Amino acid sequence: QVQLVESGGGLVQAGGSLRLSCAASGRTFSSRHMGWFRQAPGKDRRFVAAISWNGSRNYYADSVKGRFTISRDNAENRMYLQMNSLNPEDTAVYHCAAAYSGLTRLRVGVDDYEYWGQGTQVTVSS
């Protein structure tokens, strides 16, 4: 089992930056692909970024490509999302997620992820 706790959210002005952190517990964190998703009010949870189990591969939603960077530190059981050039459309609750074990390709679907954190609120003011 993997437990996930996000932190680092907050209120920021448009153009600003935030760094989200996801702390994981459980022995299988370092062997799982991980992802970040976000959910705005009244909308479905949507894919933001994914990273492979060893950090060698990543994939981003078009809406954040070039602005967000996903990374992980398996020695510390942590994953990060550096968010730059934020705009009001980035306002959402951000969740980290651990993919099912044994997957090869990075996944973008909610159903491909087994464990979820409670989320951290990111609000970008214009």
Protein backbone atom coordinates (compact mmCIF):
# COMPACT_ATOMS: atom_id res chain seq x y z
CA GLN A 1 0.00 0.00 0.00
CA VAL A 2 1.11 3.57 -0.69
CA GLN A 3 -0.06 6.60 1.24
CA LEU A 4 0.35 10.01 -0.36
CA VAL A 5 0.27 13.48 1.17
CA GLU A 6 0.52 16.64 -0.91
CA SER A 7 1.81 20.02 0.26
CA GLY A 8 2.95 23.32 -1.17
CA GLY A 9 -0.28 24.73 -2.51
CA GLY A 10 -1.42 28.28 -1.88
CA LEU A 11 -2.46 31.59 -3.37
CA VAL A 12 -0.21 33.13 -6.00
CA GLN A 13 -0.53 35.94 -8.52
CA ALA A 14 -0.60 35.26 -12.22
CA GLY A 15 2.92 34.78 -13.54
CA GLY A 16 4.13 33.41 -10.24
CA SER A 17 5.48 30.01 -9.24
CA LEU A 18 4.74 27.26 -6.76
CA ARG A 19 6.40 23.96 -5.97
CA LEU A 20 4.17 21.10 -4.93
CA SER A 21 5.48 18.16 -2.98
CA CYS A 22 4.06 14.67 -2.57
CA ALA A 23 5.33 12.61 0.36
CA ALA A 24 4.87 8.87 -0.01
CA SER A 25 4.95 6.04 2.47
CA GLY A 26 5.08 2.39 1.53
CA ARG A 27 7.70 0.09 0.09
CA THR A 28 6.51 0.17 -3.51
CA PHE A 29 6.75 3.91 -4.20
CA SER A 30 10.11 3.62 -5.92
CA SER A 31 8.82 0.95 -8.32
CA ARG A 32 5.69 2.76 -9.46
CA HIS A 33 5.08 5.39 -12.09
CA MET A 34 3.63 8.52 -10.49
CA GLY A 35 1.41 11.32 -11.67
CA TRP A 36 -0.12 14.68 -10.87
CA PHE A 37 -3.75 15.45 -11.61
CA ARG A 38 -5.88 18.49 -10.93
CA GLN A 39 -9.55 19.15 -10.41
CA ALA A 40 -11.19 22.53 -10.80
CA PRO A 41 -14.64 23.24 -9.32
CA GLY A 42 -17.36 21.56 -11.35
CA LYS A 43 -14.89 19.76 -13.60
CA ASP A 44 -13.50 16.26 -13.87
CA ARG A 45 -10.11 15.35 -12.49
CA ARG A 46 -7.58 15.88 -15.29
CA PHE A 47 -4.09 14.67 -16.02
CA VAL A 48 -1.23 17.14 -15.52
CA ALA A 49 2.04 15.19 -15.61
CA ALA A 50 3.52 11.73 -15.12
CA ILE A 51 6.96 10.39 -14.32
CA SER A 52 8.39 6.90 -14.63
CA TRP A 53 9.42 4.84 -11.63
CA ASN A 54 13.10 5.80 -11.99
CA GLY A 55 12.54 9.35 -13.19
CA SER A 56 13.96 8.73 -16.66
CA ARG A 57 10.74 9.50 -18.53
CA ASN A 58 8.05 12.12 -18.13
CA TYR A 59 4.97 13.29 -19.94
CA TYR A 60 2.90 16.45 -19.70
CA ALA A 61 -0.52 17.67 -20.63
CA ASP A 62 -0.33 20.20 -23.45
CA SER A 63 -1.78 22.89 -21.18
CA VAL A 64 1.24 22.78 -18.85
CA LYS A 65 4.05 21.76 -21.17
CA GLY A 66 6.99 24.15 -20.92
CA ARG A 67 5.70 25.64 -17.64
CA PHE A 68 5.54 22.69 -15.23
CA THR A 69 8.28 20.21 -14.35
CA ILE A 70 7.72 16.88 -12.62
CA SER A 71 10.50 15.18 -10.68
CA ARG A 72 11.00 12.58 -7.97
CA ASP A 73 13.49 11.55 -5.31
CA ASN A 74 13.13 7.85 -4.57
CA ALA A 75 15.66 8.00 -1.73
CA GLU A 76 13.36 10.48 0.05
CA ASN A 77 10.09 8.92 -1.17
CA ARG A 78 8.99 12.25 -2.63
CA MET A 79 7.67 13.60 -5.89
CA TYR A 80 7.52 17.24 -6.94
CA LEU A 81 5.75 19.52 -9.37
CA GLN A 82 7.46 22.82 -10.12
CA MET A 83 4.88 25.19 -11.58
CA ASN A 84 6.01 28.39 -13.30
CA SER A 85 4.19 31.09 -15.24
CA LEU A 86 0.96 30.25 -13.47
CA ASN A 87 -2.31 31.63 -14.79
CA PRO A 88 -5.86 31.64 -13.36
CA GLU A 89 -6.75 28.58 -15.46
CA ASP A 90 -4.31 26.59 -13.32
CA THR A 91 -6.51 27.10 -10.27
CA ALA A 92 -7.53 23.68 -8.95
CA VAL A 93 -6.98 21.07 -6.29
CA TYR A 94 -3.83 19.18 -7.23
CA HIS A 95 -3.56 15.48 -6.42
CA CYS A 96 -0.60 13.15 -6.62
CA ALA A 97 -1.23 9.56 -7.58
CA ALA A 98 0.62 6.25 -7.73
CA ALA A 99 0.02 4.08 -10.78
CA TYR A 100 -0.76 0.39 -10.59
CA SER A 101 2.35 -1.77 -10.32
CA GLY A 102 3.77 -3.39 -13.39
CA LEU A 103 2.80 -0.77 -15.96
CA THR A 104 5.36 -0.05 -18.65
CA ARG A 105 4.07 3.03 -20.42
CA LEU A 106 3.27 6.27 -18.61
CA ARG A 107 -0.47 6.71 -18.21
CA VAL A 108 -2.80 9.71 -18.33
CA GLY A 109 -6.07 8.14 -17.24
CA VAL A 110 -7.49 8.40 -13.75
CA ASP A 111 -8.32 4.68 -13.82
CA ASP A 112 -4.64 3.77 -14.29
CA TYR A 113 -3.75 5.08 -10.84
CA GLU A 114 -4.26 3.02 -7.71
CA TYR A 115 -3.48 5.37 -4.84
CA TRP A 116 -4.37 9.03 -4.41
CA GLY A 117 -3.55 11.85 -2.06
CA GLN A 118 -6.16 14.18 -0.60
CA GLY A 119 -4.96 17.12 -2.66
CA THR A 120 -3.61 20.62 -2.15
CA GLN A 121 -5.36 23.78 -3.30
CA VAL A 122 -3.66 26.05 -5.82
CA THR A 123 -5.30 29.40 -6.48
CA VAL A 124 -3.94 31.81 -9.07
CA SER A 125 -5.27 35.36 -8.98
CA SER A 126 -5.35 37.58 -12.05
